[in-house]
N, C-alpha and C. Protein backbone atom coordinates (compact mmCIF):
# COMPACT_ATOMS: atom_id res chain seq x y z
N MET A 1 181.23 214.74 100.40
CA MET A 1 179.88 214.51 99.88
C MET A 1 179.89 214.73 98.37
N LYS A 2 179.32 213.81 97.64
CA LYS A 2 179.29 213.93 96.19
C LYS A 2 178.15 214.85 95.75
N ASN A 3 178.29 215.40 94.56
CA ASN A 3 177.25 216.25 94.01
C ASN A 3 176.07 215.40 93.59
N LEU A 4 174.91 215.78 94.05
CA LEU A 4 173.69 215.04 93.73
C LEU A 4 173.01 215.66 92.52
N LYS A 5 172.41 214.79 91.71
CA LYS A 5 171.64 215.25 90.56
C LYS A 5 170.29 215.76 91.06
N PRO A 6 169.72 216.77 90.41
CA PRO A 6 168.38 217.22 90.82
C PRO A 6 167.32 216.20 90.43
N VAL A 7 166.37 215.99 91.31
CA VAL A 7 165.26 215.08 91.01
C VAL A 7 164.35 215.79 89.99
N PRO A 8 164.08 215.13 88.86
CA PRO A 8 163.24 215.78 87.84
C PRO A 8 161.79 215.96 88.31
N LYS A 9 161.10 216.84 87.65
CA LYS A 9 159.66 217.03 87.88
C LYS A 9 158.94 215.99 87.02
N PHE A 10 157.91 215.38 87.58
CA PHE A 10 157.19 214.33 86.88
C PHE A 10 155.78 214.79 86.56
N LYS A 11 155.28 214.37 85.43
CA LYS A 11 153.91 214.74 85.01
C LYS A 11 152.87 213.98 85.82
N ASN A 12 153.22 212.74 86.19
CA ASN A 12 152.26 211.90 86.91
C ASN A 12 153.01 210.80 87.65
N GLU A 13 152.27 210.04 88.41
CA GLU A 13 152.86 208.97 89.22
C GLU A 13 153.48 207.88 88.36
N ALA A 14 152.85 207.57 87.24
CA ALA A 14 153.37 206.53 86.35
C ALA A 14 154.75 206.92 85.80
N GLU A 15 154.90 208.18 85.43
CA GLU A 15 156.18 208.67 84.92
C GLU A 15 157.25 208.59 86.01
N GLU A 16 156.88 208.97 87.23
CA GLU A 16 157.82 208.90 88.34
C GLU A 16 158.22 207.46 88.63
N ARG A 17 157.25 206.55 88.62
CA ARG A 17 157.53 205.13 88.87
C ARG A 17 158.51 204.59 87.84
N GLU A 18 158.27 204.93 86.58
CA GLU A 18 159.15 204.46 85.49
C GLU A 18 160.57 205.00 85.68
N PHE A 19 160.67 206.26 86.10
CA PHE A 19 161.99 206.86 86.32
C PHE A 19 162.75 206.10 87.40
N TRP A 20 162.12 205.90 88.57
CA TRP A 20 162.82 205.27 89.68
C TRP A 20 163.11 203.80 89.44
N GLU A 21 162.37 203.18 88.55
CA GLU A 21 162.65 201.78 88.20
C GLU A 21 163.94 201.65 87.41
N THR A 22 164.39 202.74 86.81
CA THR A 22 165.57 202.68 85.93
C THR A 22 166.72 203.57 86.40
N HIS A 23 166.60 204.20 87.56
CA HIS A 23 167.65 205.08 88.07
C HIS A 23 167.99 204.73 89.52
N ASP A 24 169.25 204.97 89.88
CA ASP A 24 169.72 204.72 91.24
C ASP A 24 169.44 205.94 92.10
N SER A 25 168.67 205.79 93.16
CA SER A 25 168.27 206.92 93.99
C SER A 25 169.47 207.57 94.69
N THR A 26 170.56 206.83 94.90
CA THR A 26 171.71 207.42 95.60
C THR A 26 172.39 208.50 94.78
N GLU A 27 172.08 208.60 93.49
CA GLU A 27 172.61 209.68 92.66
C GLU A 27 171.79 210.96 92.84
N TYR A 28 170.62 210.84 93.48
CA TYR A 28 169.69 211.96 93.60
C TYR A 28 169.37 212.35 95.04
N ILE A 29 169.57 211.42 95.97
CA ILE A 29 169.16 211.63 97.36
C ILE A 29 170.30 211.27 98.30
N ASP A 30 170.55 212.13 99.27
CA ASP A 30 171.55 211.85 100.30
C ASP A 30 170.87 211.08 101.42
N TRP A 31 170.94 209.77 101.35
CA TRP A 31 170.22 208.92 102.30
C TRP A 31 170.79 209.01 103.72
N SER A 32 172.00 209.56 103.87
CA SER A 32 172.57 209.71 105.22
C SER A 32 171.77 210.73 106.05
N LYS A 33 171.01 211.58 105.37
CA LYS A 33 170.20 212.58 106.07
C LYS A 33 168.75 212.14 106.24
N ALA A 34 168.44 210.95 105.81
CA ALA A 34 167.06 210.46 105.89
C ALA A 34 166.68 210.17 107.33
N ARG A 35 165.40 210.35 107.63
CA ARG A 35 164.87 210.05 108.95
C ARG A 35 163.70 209.10 108.79
N ARG A 36 163.52 208.24 109.77
CA ARG A 36 162.36 207.34 109.77
C ARG A 36 161.12 208.13 110.14
N VAL A 37 160.04 207.86 109.43
CA VAL A 37 158.77 208.49 109.76
C VAL A 37 157.72 207.40 109.90
N ARG A 38 156.66 207.73 110.60
CA ARG A 38 155.54 206.80 110.77
C ARG A 38 154.29 207.45 110.22
N PHE A 39 153.46 206.64 109.62
CA PHE A 39 152.16 207.08 109.13
C PHE A 39 151.12 206.21 109.81
N PRO A 40 150.79 206.52 111.07
CA PRO A 40 149.94 205.63 111.86
C PRO A 40 148.52 205.49 111.35
N ASN A 41 148.04 206.42 110.55
CA ASN A 41 146.65 206.34 110.10
C ASN A 41 146.48 205.66 108.74
N LEU A 42 147.58 205.21 108.15
CA LEU A 42 147.47 204.51 106.87
C LEU A 42 147.03 203.08 107.09
N LYS A 43 146.12 202.64 106.27
CA LYS A 43 145.69 201.25 106.34
C LYS A 43 146.57 200.43 105.41
N PRO A 44 146.96 199.23 105.84
CA PRO A 44 147.80 198.41 104.95
C PRO A 44 147.01 198.01 103.71
N THR A 45 147.72 197.90 102.62
CA THR A 45 147.10 197.45 101.38
C THR A 45 146.73 195.98 101.54
N ILE A 46 145.53 195.64 101.19
CA ILE A 46 145.04 194.27 101.34
C ILE A 46 144.65 193.73 99.98
N LYS A 47 145.06 192.51 99.71
CA LYS A 47 144.71 191.85 98.45
C LYS A 47 143.98 190.56 98.77
N SER A 48 142.87 190.38 98.13
CA SER A 48 142.11 189.15 98.32
C SER A 48 142.74 188.02 97.51
N ILE A 49 142.75 186.84 98.11
CA ILE A 49 143.23 185.65 97.39
C ILE A 49 142.19 184.55 97.56
N SER A 50 142.30 183.57 96.69
CA SER A 50 141.45 182.38 96.82
C SER A 50 142.36 181.21 97.14
N ILE A 51 141.93 180.41 98.08
CA ILE A 51 142.70 179.23 98.45
C ILE A 51 141.72 178.08 98.68
N ARG A 52 142.00 176.97 98.12
CA ARG A 52 141.14 175.80 98.29
C ARG A 52 141.61 175.01 99.50
N LEU A 53 140.68 174.81 100.43
CA LEU A 53 140.97 174.07 101.64
C LEU A 53 139.91 172.99 101.82
N PRO A 54 140.30 171.88 102.42
CA PRO A 54 139.30 170.85 102.71
C PRO A 54 138.22 171.39 103.64
N LEU A 55 136.99 171.00 103.41
CA LEU A 55 135.87 171.47 104.20
C LEU A 55 136.08 171.21 105.69
N ALA A 56 136.65 170.06 106.02
CA ALA A 56 136.89 169.74 107.43
C ALA A 56 137.86 170.73 108.06
N LEU A 57 138.86 171.19 107.31
CA LEU A 57 139.81 172.16 107.82
C LEU A 57 139.13 173.50 108.06
N ILE A 58 138.28 173.91 107.14
CA ILE A 58 137.55 175.17 107.29
C ILE A 58 136.64 175.10 108.52
N GLU A 59 135.97 173.98 108.69
CA GLU A 59 135.09 173.83 109.86
C GLU A 59 135.89 173.88 111.16
N SER A 60 137.06 173.25 111.17
CA SER A 60 137.92 173.29 112.36
C SER A 60 138.38 174.73 112.63
N LEU A 61 138.73 175.45 111.58
CA LEU A 61 139.12 176.85 111.72
C LEU A 61 137.99 177.68 112.32
N LYS A 62 136.78 177.45 111.83
CA LYS A 62 135.62 178.20 112.32
C LYS A 62 135.35 177.90 113.79
N VAL A 63 135.49 176.64 114.18
CA VAL A 63 135.28 176.26 115.58
C VAL A 63 136.31 176.96 116.47
N GLU A 64 137.59 176.90 116.05
CA GLU A 64 138.66 177.53 116.83
C GLU A 64 138.49 179.05 116.88
N ALA A 65 138.11 179.65 115.77
CA ALA A 65 137.89 181.09 115.72
C ALA A 65 136.73 181.49 116.63
N ASN A 66 135.67 180.70 116.62
CA ASN A 66 134.52 180.97 117.48
C ASN A 66 134.92 180.88 118.95
N ARG A 67 135.75 179.91 119.25
CA ARG A 67 136.22 179.75 120.63
C ARG A 67 137.01 180.98 121.08
N ARG A 68 137.73 181.59 120.14
CA ARG A 68 138.54 182.78 120.44
C ARG A 68 137.77 184.09 120.20
N ASP A 69 136.55 183.95 119.72
CA ASP A 69 135.68 185.10 119.44
C ASP A 69 136.29 186.06 118.41
N VAL A 70 136.83 185.47 117.32
CA VAL A 70 137.34 186.26 116.19
C VAL A 70 136.81 185.63 114.90
N PRO A 71 136.69 186.40 113.84
CA PRO A 71 136.30 185.81 112.56
C PRO A 71 137.36 184.80 112.11
N TYR A 72 136.94 183.74 111.46
CA TYR A 72 137.89 182.70 111.11
C TYR A 72 138.94 183.18 110.12
N GLN A 73 138.58 184.10 109.22
CA GLN A 73 139.58 184.61 108.28
C GLN A 73 140.63 185.45 109.01
N SER A 74 140.22 186.15 110.05
CA SER A 74 141.19 186.90 110.86
C SER A 74 142.13 185.96 111.59
N LEU A 75 141.59 184.86 112.07
CA LEU A 75 142.42 183.87 112.75
C LEU A 75 143.46 183.29 111.79
N VAL A 76 143.06 183.01 110.57
CA VAL A 76 144.00 182.50 109.57
C VAL A 76 145.12 183.52 109.35
N LYS A 77 144.77 184.81 109.23
CA LYS A 77 145.79 185.85 109.03
C LYS A 77 146.74 185.92 110.23
N ILE A 78 146.19 185.82 111.43
CA ILE A 78 147.02 185.87 112.64
C ILE A 78 148.00 184.70 112.64
N TRP A 79 147.50 183.51 112.37
CA TRP A 79 148.36 182.33 112.39
C TRP A 79 149.42 182.37 111.29
N LEU A 80 149.04 182.83 110.11
CA LEU A 80 150.02 182.95 109.03
C LEU A 80 151.13 183.93 109.41
N ASN A 81 150.72 185.05 109.97
CA ASN A 81 151.70 186.05 110.39
C ASN A 81 152.64 185.51 111.46
N GLU A 82 152.08 184.81 112.44
CA GLU A 82 152.91 184.21 113.51
C GLU A 82 153.90 183.21 112.94
N LYS A 83 153.43 182.38 112.02
CA LYS A 83 154.31 181.36 111.45
C LYS A 83 155.43 182.00 110.63
N LEU A 84 155.11 183.04 109.88
CA LEU A 84 156.15 183.71 109.09
C LEU A 84 157.19 184.39 109.96
N ARG A 85 156.78 184.90 111.12
CA ARG A 85 157.74 185.53 112.02
C ARG A 85 158.71 184.52 112.61
N GLU A 86 158.31 183.25 112.65
CA GLU A 86 159.19 182.20 113.17
C GLU A 86 160.30 181.85 112.19
N CYS A 87 160.10 182.15 110.93
CA CYS A 87 161.08 181.79 109.90
C CYS A 87 162.35 182.61 109.98
């Protein structure tokens, strides 16, 4: 096992972010001892976007979403996610 450097103390999150952007974490952390953790109560970060769609497409989305009893924007997210998983 190699000698690890001590992780410096940071004044704030911005300083820490800048440090890790320019340093290799394997010099500071023994990743072989890392464990997976879950944070089940965290909400995913969501970013709003604007997308231009033909009115007929939006109306078709709304009809299909209504048929499934979900908001049409939720249906779009579901379908996008499903399609990306196929890739």
